[in-house]
Amino acid sequence: MNRLSTSWGTYDLTRFPEDPRDQLRAWSAADAYLLRHLAGEEGGDPVALDGTVAVVGDRWGALTTALAAHRPVQITDSFLTRQATLANLERAGHAPDPARLLTTRDTPPERVDVLLVRVPKSLALLEDQLRRVAPAVHAGTVVLGTGMVTEIHTSTLDLFERIIGPTRTSLARQKARLILTTPAPDRPREPSPWPRRYVLPADSGAGAGLTAVNHAGVFCADRLDIGTRFLLQHLPACHGDAHVVDLGCGNGVLGTAAAVANPEARVTFVDESYQAVASAEATLGANAAAAKAEFLAGDALTAVPAASVDLVLNNPPFHSHQATTDATAQRMFRGARDALRPGGELWVVGNRHLGYHVRLKRLFGNVEVAASNRKFVILRAVRRR
């Protein structure tokens, strides 16, 4: 837990799921800079927060929690962010309903008077969200973006300029910067390029010829990533009415390939990204619309009943926003162990240097290399009891 001091109060904030061993902070210098600017502590006048305040891309709810007295609308692509926000709001004494929490798949407010944007890692997701919220922006809307210096590029500013209006940046403070945009409501609205589609190449094993559908912000939205392709080339067989989980599904090509190979299987697609879950649903619909499937936004496999799964397919991420960490992979592995039936299998693809075999051997008591090449390794772990 770490403390953020603002003009609205001091808040003890955590990421989700809460872990006392997690040393990663739940807020950044970019969040603090934006809040100081809103309060008039950076040399300007305080920003009036009387109308609808929309917070797009809040990482762990720091901005939403600090501004809770103004009942902001949070728009996030992250299930984990949503849960962290709820916990941080409750800890700050703002429960039960101090903010309106929307996902990136929900309809934005019809009118936004203050638009606050925490710049995401994905430029595509930023473009998609700016396009979605732009119709709600009017000439009097205050538009502020924030991010670390390393996160704000010319392309970032170009998006604000092209979609919202004239844009400039602030001086840097503690390696953070603000984006200040003047709305131009009469600016022509360009059609969104999302979702995008592509056909998996012939060397994609069980996925060859499948159509992938990708909403903005999904990993490798323009092409099949090489780790997933390697796992598709060695996709394990499942038979009968097996329950298969595509864990961290992204655009869902692994689960879709499993469904196409065995139409009797029941496939669950799980991801913490709402954009990813929507992509997986669209991918399955484009290739196997009659398949038996469910789609869950959640933390690893916490929403899947214990001992109910026969096969888990997993290409885990090793980043959480800008931070490199294996915490997500560890939660996925633990969740898979609990969700698998005795005899059920977890198949994981990862870069060789990540050393996932050590974690899996500790959790399952066994692990074997199913396939490997110079860059990747596919590991198979079996729940014994």
Protein backbone atom coordinates (compact mmCIF):
# COMPACT_ATOMS: atom_id res chain seq x y z
CA MET A 1 0.00 0.00 0.00
CA ASN A 2 1.26 3.48 -0.82
CA ARG A 3 0.03 6.96 0.01
CA LEU A 4 -0.96 9.74 -2.38
CA SER A 5 -1.38 13.26 -0.95
CA THR A 6 -3.59 15.69 -2.88
CA SER A 7 -5.60 18.86 -2.30
CA TRP A 8 -8.68 16.65 -1.87
CA GLY A 9 -7.12 14.41 0.77
CA THR A 10 -4.53 11.73 1.41
CA TYR A 11 -5.24 8.24 0.10
CA ASP A 12 -3.77 4.82 0.76
CA LEU A 13 -3.85 3.12 -2.63
CA THR A 14 -3.16 -0.41 -3.80
CA ARG A 15 -3.13 -2.31 -7.03
CA PHE A 16 -5.36 -5.34 -7.55
CA PRO A 17 -5.14 -8.05 -6.46
CA GLU A 18 -3.64 -6.74 -3.24
CA ASP A 19 -0.35 -8.39 -2.37
CA PRO A 20 1.89 -7.12 0.46
CA ARG A 21 4.91 -8.37 -1.50
CA ASP A 22 4.02 -6.15 -4.47
CA GLN A 23 6.31 -3.12 -4.40
CA LEU A 24 4.81 -1.52 -7.52
CA ARG A 25 3.08 1.76 -6.76
CA ALA A 26 -0.64 2.26 -7.47
CA TRP A 27 -0.12 5.82 -8.71
CA SER A 28 2.53 7.69 -10.67
CA ALA A 29 4.12 11.11 -10.90
CA ALA A 30 1.86 11.67 -13.91
CA ASP A 31 -1.26 11.18 -11.76
CA ALA A 32 0.09 13.53 -9.09
CA TYR A 33 1.02 16.19 -11.67
CA LEU A 34 -2.47 16.15 -13.18
CA LEU A 35 -4.12 16.45 -9.76
CA ARG A 36 -1.87 19.38 -8.81
CA HIS A 37 -2.78 21.12 -12.05
CA LEU A 38 -6.50 20.61 -11.42
CA ALA A 39 -6.10 22.10 -7.94
CA GLY A 40 -4.24 25.16 -9.26
CA GLU A 41 -0.98 24.19 -7.59
CA GLU A 42 1.09 24.49 -10.78
CA GLY A 43 0.71 28.25 -11.17
CA GLY A 44 -2.66 28.40 -12.89
CA ASP A 45 -6.24 28.69 -11.70
CA PRO A 46 -8.04 25.66 -10.27
CA VAL A 47 -10.13 23.76 -12.82
CA ALA A 48 -13.88 23.85 -12.17
CA LEU A 49 -15.14 20.30 -11.66
CA ASP A 50 -18.85 21.11 -11.58
CA GLY A 51 -20.05 19.20 -14.65
CA THR A 52 -19.41 15.67 -15.88
CA VAL A 53 -15.81 14.62 -15.22
CA ALA A 54 -14.63 11.67 -17.32
CA VAL A 55 -11.44 9.83 -16.43
CA VAL A 56 -10.13 7.67 -19.28
CA GLY A 57 -7.37 5.12 -18.71
CA ASP A 58 -6.99 5.55 -14.93
CA ARG A 59 -4.38 2.88 -14.10
CA TRP A 60 -5.42 1.77 -10.59
CA GLY A 61 -8.13 4.27 -9.70
CA ALA A 62 -5.88 6.95 -8.21
CA LEU A 63 -7.48 9.77 -10.21
CA THR A 64 -11.02 8.49 -9.69
CA THR A 65 -10.46 8.08 -5.95
CA ALA A 66 -8.95 11.54 -5.49
CA LEU A 67 -11.81 13.15 -7.43
CA ALA A 68 -14.58 10.99 -5.97
CA ALA A 69 -16.36 13.99 -4.41
CA HIS A 70 -17.09 15.14 -7.98
CA ARG A 71 -18.61 11.76 -8.95
CA PRO A 72 -16.37 11.14 -11.98
CA VAL A 73 -17.07 8.67 -14.76
CA GLN A 74 -14.19 6.22 -15.10
CA ILE A 75 -13.64 4.51 -18.47
CA THR A 76 -11.20 1.61 -18.36
CA ASP A 77 -10.20 -1.42 -20.43
CA SER A 78 -8.93 -3.26 -17.35
CA PHE A 79 -10.88 -5.52 -15.03
CA LEU A 80 -8.01 -5.24 -12.54
CA THR A 81 -8.19 -1.44 -12.64
CA ARG A 82 -11.92 -1.61 -12.01
CA GLN A 83 -11.45 -3.85 -8.95
CA ALA A 84 -8.58 -1.71 -7.64
CA THR A 85 -10.74 1.40 -8.03
CA LEU A 86 -13.59 -0.15 -6.06
CA ALA A 87 -11.21 -1.18 -3.27
CA ASN A 88 -9.45 2.20 -3.17
CA LEU A 89 -12.76 4.08 -3.12
CA GLU A 90 -14.03 1.97 -0.25
CA ARG A 91 -10.77 2.37 1.69
CA ALA A 92 -11.05 6.14 1.25
CA GLY A 93 -14.55 6.09 2.70
CA HIS A 94 -16.30 6.87 -0.58
CA ALA A 95 -18.40 3.68 -0.87
CA PRO A 96 -20.88 2.64 -2.03
CA ASP A 97 -21.46 4.75 -5.18
CA PRO A 98 -19.09 7.71 -5.54
CA ALA A 99 -18.24 7.15 -9.19
CA ARG A 100 -19.70 5.65 -12.34
CA LEU A 101 -17.46 2.87 -13.60
CA LEU A 102 -17.63 2.11 -17.32
CA THR A 103 -15.59 -0.21 -19.51
CA THR A 104 -14.17 0.66 -22.92
CA ARG A 105 -17.02 -1.33 -24.45
CA ASP A 106 -19.72 0.79 -22.78
CA THR A 107 -21.29 3.90 -24.31
CA PRO A 108 -19.49 7.05 -23.00
CA PRO A 109 -21.46 9.89 -21.39
CA GLU A 110 -23.40 12.11 -23.81
CA ARG A 111 -21.67 15.23 -22.49
CA VAL A 112 -18.25 15.61 -20.88
CA ASP A 113 -17.21 18.89 -19.23
CA VAL A 114 -13.78 17.78 -17.97
CA LEU A 115 -11.94 15.05 -19.86
CA LEU A 116 -8.89 13.56 -18.12
CA VAL A 117 -6.83 11.03 -20.06
CA ARG A 118 -4.10 8.85 -18.58
CA VAL A 119 -2.09 7.99 -21.69
CA PRO A 120 -2.09 4.20 -22.19
CA LYS A 121 0.74 2.07 -23.46
CA SER A 122 -1.25 1.32 -26.63
CA LEU A 123 -1.53 4.16 -29.12
CA ALA A 124 -4.37 2.27 -30.81
CA LEU A 125 -6.37 2.14 -27.57
CA LEU A 126 -5.81 5.87 -27.07
CA GLU A 127 -7.10 6.59 -30.57
CA ASP A 128 -10.14 4.38 -30.08
CA GLN A 129 -11.06 6.00 -26.78
CA LEU A 130 -10.56 9.56 -28.04
CA ARG A 131 -12.78 8.78 -31.02
CA ARG A 132 -15.46 7.32 -28.75
CA VAL A 133 -15.53 10.25 -26.34
CA ALA A 134 -15.01 13.05 -28.89
CA PRO A 135 -18.76 13.49 -29.64
CA ALA A 136 -19.33 14.31 -25.95
CA VAL A 137 -16.71 17.08 -25.93
CA HIS A 138 -17.93 20.66 -26.43
CA ALA A 139 -16.18 24.02 -26.83
CA GLY A 140 -16.03 24.57 -23.06
CA THR A 141 -14.68 21.13 -22.16
CA VAL A 142 -11.37 21.10 -20.29
CA VAL A 143 -9.22 18.39 -21.88
CA LEU A 144 -6.08 17.24 -20.06
CA GLY A 145 -3.88 14.27 -20.69
CA THR A 146 -1.06 12.99 -18.52
CA GLY A 147 1.74 10.49 -18.75
CA MET A 148 5.39 9.95 -18.10
CA VAL A 149 7.78 11.63 -20.53
CA THR A 150 8.66 8.23 -22.01
CA GLU A 151 4.96 7.58 -22.73
CA ILE A 152 4.16 10.80 -24.59
CA HIS A 153 5.40 10.96 -28.17
CA THR A 154 4.71 13.10 -31.21
CA SER A 155 2.22 10.45 -32.36
CA THR A 156 0.41 10.79 -29.02
CA LEU A 157 0.04 14.54 -29.44
CA ASP A 158 -1.01 14.09 -33.06
CA LEU A 159 -3.98 11.97 -31.94
CA PHE A 160 -5.20 14.61 -29.49
CA GLU A 161 -4.69 17.28 -32.16
CA ARG A 162 -6.46 15.38 -34.93
CA ILE A 163 -9.39 14.03 -32.92
CA ILE A 164 -10.04 16.67 -30.23
CA GLY A 165 -8.31 19.96 -31.16
CA PRO A 166 -5.14 22.10 -30.92
CA THR A 167 -2.70 20.53 -28.48
CA ARG A 168 0.41 21.53 -26.56
CA THR A 169 2.41 20.04 -23.72
CA SER A 170 3.51 21.31 -20.33
CA LEU A 171 6.95 21.45 -18.82
CA ALA A 172 8.12 18.15 -17.38
CA ARG A 173 7.79 17.55 -13.63
CA GLN A 174 9.38 14.47 -12.03
CA LYS A 175 9.64 12.93 -15.51
CA ALA A 176 5.90 13.46 -16.09
CA ARG A 177 4.18 15.75 -18.55
CA LEU A 178 0.70 17.12 -19.19
CA ILE A 179 -1.15 17.34 -22.50
CA LEU A 180 -3.34 20.42 -22.84
CA THR A 181 -5.90 20.36 -25.65
CA THR A 182 -8.41 23.00 -26.76
CA PRO A 183 -11.55 21.33 -28.13
CA ALA A 184 -12.60 22.01 -31.71
CA PRO A 185 -16.09 20.45 -31.75
CA ASP A 186 -16.62 21.21 -35.46
CA ARG A 187 -13.59 19.10 -36.40
CA PRO A 188 -14.66 16.39 -38.94
CA ARG A 189 -15.20 12.97 -37.37
CA GLU A 190 -13.15 10.26 -39.07
CA PRO A 191 -14.44 6.68 -39.02
CA SER A 192 -12.69 4.40 -36.54
CA PRO A 193 -10.34 1.83 -38.10
CA TRP A 194 -11.29 -0.69 -35.40
CA PRO A 195 -11.91 -3.58 -35.22
CA ARG A 196 -9.39 -4.96 -37.67
CA ARG A 197 -9.25 -8.42 -39.21
CA TYR A 198 -6.57 -10.61 -40.68
CA VAL A 199 -6.30 -14.23 -41.79
CA LEU A 200 -3.82 -16.46 -39.98
CA PRO A 201 -0.99 -17.60 -42.30
CA ALA A 202 -0.52 -21.14 -43.56
CA ASP A 203 2.31 -21.85 -41.09
CA SER A 204 -0.03 -21.30 -38.09
CA GLY A 205 -0.69 -24.98 -37.47
CA ALA A 206 -4.19 -25.51 -36.10
CA GLY A 207 -4.95 -21.84 -36.69
CA ALA A 208 -4.12 -21.74 -40.41
CA GLY A 209 -6.82 -19.91 -42.37
CA LEU A 210 -8.73 -18.67 -39.33
CA THR A 211 -9.89 -15.05 -39.26
CA ALA A 212 -8.70 -13.02 -36.25
CA VAL A 213 -10.75 -10.00 -35.17
CA ASN A 214 -9.00 -7.36 -33.09
CA HIS A 215 -10.37 -4.39 -31.21
CA ALA A 216 -8.02 -1.54 -30.37
CA GLY A 217 -5.38 -2.19 -27.72
CA VAL A 218 -5.27 -5.98 -28.09
CA PHE A 219 -1.78 -7.48 -28.21
CA CYS A 220 -0.48 -7.92 -31.78
CA ALA A 221 -3.66 -6.53 -33.32
CA ASP A 222 -2.17 -6.38 -36.84
CA ARG A 223 -0.55 -9.80 -37.03
CA LEU A 224 -0.27 -13.12 -35.23
CA ASP A 225 2.41 -12.97 -32.54
CA ILE A 226 5.12 -15.58 -32.91
CA GLY A 227 4.61 -17.14 -29.49
CA THR A 228 0.95 -17.87 -30.17
CA ARG A 229 1.83 -19.18 -33.63
CA PHE A 230 4.33 -21.59 -32.08
CA LEU A 231 1.68 -22.91 -29.67
CA LEU A 232 -0.83 -23.25 -32.53
CA GLN A 233 1.73 -25.38 -34.36
CA HIS A 234 1.78 -27.74 -31.37
CA LEU A 235 -1.80 -27.37 -30.11
CA PRO A 236 -2.73 -30.34 -27.92
CA ALA A 237 -5.74 -32.41 -28.92
CA CYS A 238 -8.85 -32.47 -26.78
CA HIS A 239 -11.71 -34.93 -27.20
CA GLY A 240 -15.42 -35.20 -26.53
CA ASP A 241 -17.02 -32.52 -24.39
CA ALA A 242 -13.72 -31.36 -22.89
CA HIS A 243 -13.71 -27.99 -21.10
CA VAL A 244 -10.93 -25.87 -22.58
CA VAL A 245 -9.84 -22.46 -21.27
CA ASP A 246 -8.03 -19.88 -23.36
CA LEU A 247 -6.41 -18.00 -20.46
CA GLY A 248 -5.28 -14.45 -21.25
CA CYS A 249 -7.12 -15.00 -24.50
CA GLY A 250 -6.26 -11.79 -26.36
CA ASN A 251 -8.07 -12.07 -29.68
CA GLY A 252 -9.00 -15.68 -28.88
CA VAL A 253 -7.23 -17.52 -31.69
CA LEU A 254 -6.02 -20.33 -29.40
CA GLY A 255 -9.48 -21.09 -28.03
CA THR A 256 -11.03 -20.69 -31.46
CA ALA A 257 -8.57 -23.15 -32.97
CA ALA A 258 -9.43 -25.62 -30.20
CA ALA A 259 -13.16 -25.14 -30.87
CA VAL A 260 -12.72 -25.67 -34.62
CA ALA A 261 -10.63 -28.81 -34.05
CA ASN A 262 -13.21 -30.26 -31.64
CA PRO A 263 -16.75 -28.87 -32.11
CA GLU A 264 -17.92 -30.81 -29.03
CA ALA A 265 -15.56 -28.97 -26.71
CA ARG A 266 -16.73 -26.20 -24.41
CA VAL A 267 -14.34 -23.25 -24.53
CA THR A 268 -14.02 -20.47 -21.96
CA PHE A 269 -12.20 -17.30 -23.02
CA VAL A 270 -10.74 -15.26 -20.13
CA ASP A 271 -8.85 -11.97 -20.15
CA GLU A 272 -8.57 -8.95 -17.88
CA SER A 273 -8.99 -6.66 -20.91
CA TYR A 274 -12.55 -5.91 -22.00
CA GLN A 275 -11.23 -5.16 -25.48
CA ALA A 276 -9.62 -8.60 -25.61
CA VAL A 277 -12.78 -10.41 -24.49
CA ALA A 278 -14.79 -8.57 -27.16
CA SER A 279 -12.13 -9.52 -29.73
CA ALA A 280 -12.22 -13.18 -28.73
CA GLU A 281 -16.01 -13.26 -29.03
CA ALA A 282 -15.79 -11.71 -32.51
CA THR A 283 -13.01 -14.11 -33.57
CA LEU A 284 -14.97 -17.16 -32.49
CA GLY A 285 -18.07 -15.80 -34.21
CA ALA A 286 -16.14 -15.34 -37.46
CA ASN A 287 -14.90 -18.94 -37.48
CA ALA A 288 -17.12 -21.18 -35.34
CA ALA A 289 -20.31 -19.32 -34.50
CA ALA A 290 -22.03 -22.50 -33.31
CA ALA A 291 -19.32 -23.42 -30.81
CA LYS A 292 -20.14 -23.78 -27.12
CA ALA A 293 -18.33 -20.91 -25.43
CA GLU A 294 -18.38 -18.33 -22.67
CA PHE A 295 -16.44 -15.09 -22.40
CA LEU A 296 -15.22 -13.70 -19.07
CA ALA A 297 -13.43 -10.51 -18.08
CA GLY A 298 -11.64 -11.39 -14.88
CA ASP A 299 -8.48 -11.96 -12.88
CA ALA A 300 -6.84 -15.16 -14.09
CA LEU A 301 -9.27 -18.03 -13.39
CA THR A 302 -10.93 -16.78 -10.21
CA ALA A 303 -14.35 -16.87 -11.93
CA VAL A 304 -13.97 -20.47 -13.16
CA PRO A 305 -15.15 -23.27 -10.81
CA ALA A 306 -12.41 -25.35 -9.22
CA ALA A 307 -11.61 -28.75 -10.74
CA SER A 308 -13.83 -28.09 -13.78
CA VAL A 309 -11.33 -27.75 -16.63
CA ASP A 310 -9.58 -30.33 -18.81
CA LEU A 311 -7.13 -28.13 -20.72
CA VAL A 312 -5.76 -24.62 -20.18
CA LEU A 313 -3.96 -22.84 -23.02
CA ASN A 314 -1.83 -19.88 -21.95
CA ASN A 315 0.52 -17.32 -23.48
CA PRO A 316 1.05 -15.14 -20.38
CA PRO A 317 2.13 -11.49 -20.49
CA PHE A 318 5.25 -10.39 -18.64
CA HIS A 319 4.32 -6.69 -18.41
CA SER A 320 1.85 -4.80 -16.25
CA HIS A 321 1.49 -1.46 -18.03
CA GLN A 322 5.13 -0.26 -18.23
CA ALA A 323 6.46 -2.53 -15.46
CA THR A 324 8.15 -5.86 -16.23
CA THR A 325 6.83 -8.48 -13.83
CA ASP A 326 5.90 -12.16 -13.72
CA ALA A 327 3.15 -11.56 -11.14
CA THR A 328 0.40 -11.99 -13.74
CA ALA A 329 1.90 -15.24 -15.02
CA GLN A 330 2.16 -16.59 -11.48
CA ARG A 331 -1.52 -15.83 -10.82
CA MET A 332 -2.43 -17.52 -14.07
CA PHE A 333 -0.46 -20.64 -13.18
CA ARG A 334 -1.98 -20.85 -9.70
CA GLY A 335 -5.45 -20.30 -11.12
CA ALA A 336 -4.92 -23.01 -13.72
CA ARG A 337 -3.80 -25.51 -11.07
CA ASP A 338 -6.97 -24.86 -9.06
CA ALA A 339 -9.30 -24.91 -12.07
CA LEU A 340 -7.97 -28.13 -13.62
CA ARG A 341 -9.49 -31.51 -12.89
CA PRO A 342 -7.10 -34.29 -11.81
CA GLY A 343 -5.38 -35.29 -15.02
CA GLY A 344 -6.08 -31.90 -16.60
CA GLU A 345 -3.23 -30.15 -18.38
CA LEU A 346 -1.81 -26.62 -18.57
CA TRP A 347 0.06 -25.76 -21.77
CA VAL A 348 2.15 -22.59 -21.60
CA VAL A 349 4.23 -20.86 -24.26
CA GLY A 350 6.84 -18.32 -23.25
CA ASN A 351 10.26 -16.92 -24.04
CA ARG A 352 12.94 -19.39 -23.00
CA HIS A 353 14.68 -16.93 -20.68
CA LEU A 354 11.59 -16.39 -18.47
CA GLY A 355 12.14 -19.67 -16.62
CA TYR A 356 8.48 -20.61 -16.27
CA HIS A 357 9.45 -24.26 -15.79
CA VAL A 358 10.70 -23.46 -12.28
CA ARG A 359 7.34 -21.96 -11.23
CA LEU A 360 5.35 -24.76 -12.83
CA LYS A 361 7.45 -27.52 -11.26
CA ARG A 362 6.92 -25.92 -7.84
CA LEU A 363 3.14 -25.61 -8.34
CA PHE A 364 2.33 -28.87 -10.11
CA GLY A 365 5.18 -31.10 -8.99
CA ASN A 366 5.86 -31.87 -12.65
CA VAL A 367 6.60 -30.12 -15.93
CA GLU A 368 7.86 -31.24 -19.31
CA VAL A 369 8.94 -29.52 -22.50
CA ALA A 370 6.37 -30.24 -25.20
CA ALA A 371 8.25 -28.29 -27.89
CA SER A 372 10.96 -25.67 -28.18
CA ASN A 373 12.82 -23.53 -30.66
CA ARG A 374 15.56 -20.92 -30.38
CA LYS A 375 13.21 -18.31 -28.86
CA PHE A 376 10.24 -20.09 -27.26
CA VAL A 377 9.44 -23.10 -25.15
CA ILE A 378 6.09 -24.84 -24.72
CA LEU A 379 5.65 -26.37 -21.28
CA ARG A 380 3.10 -29.00 -20.21
CA ALA A 381 2.11 -29.42 -16.57
CA VAL A 382 -0.45 -31.96 -15.31
CA ARG A 383 -2.57 -31.71 -12.19
CA ARG A 384 -1.96 -35.05 -10.49
CA ARG A 385 -4.63 -34.89 -7.78
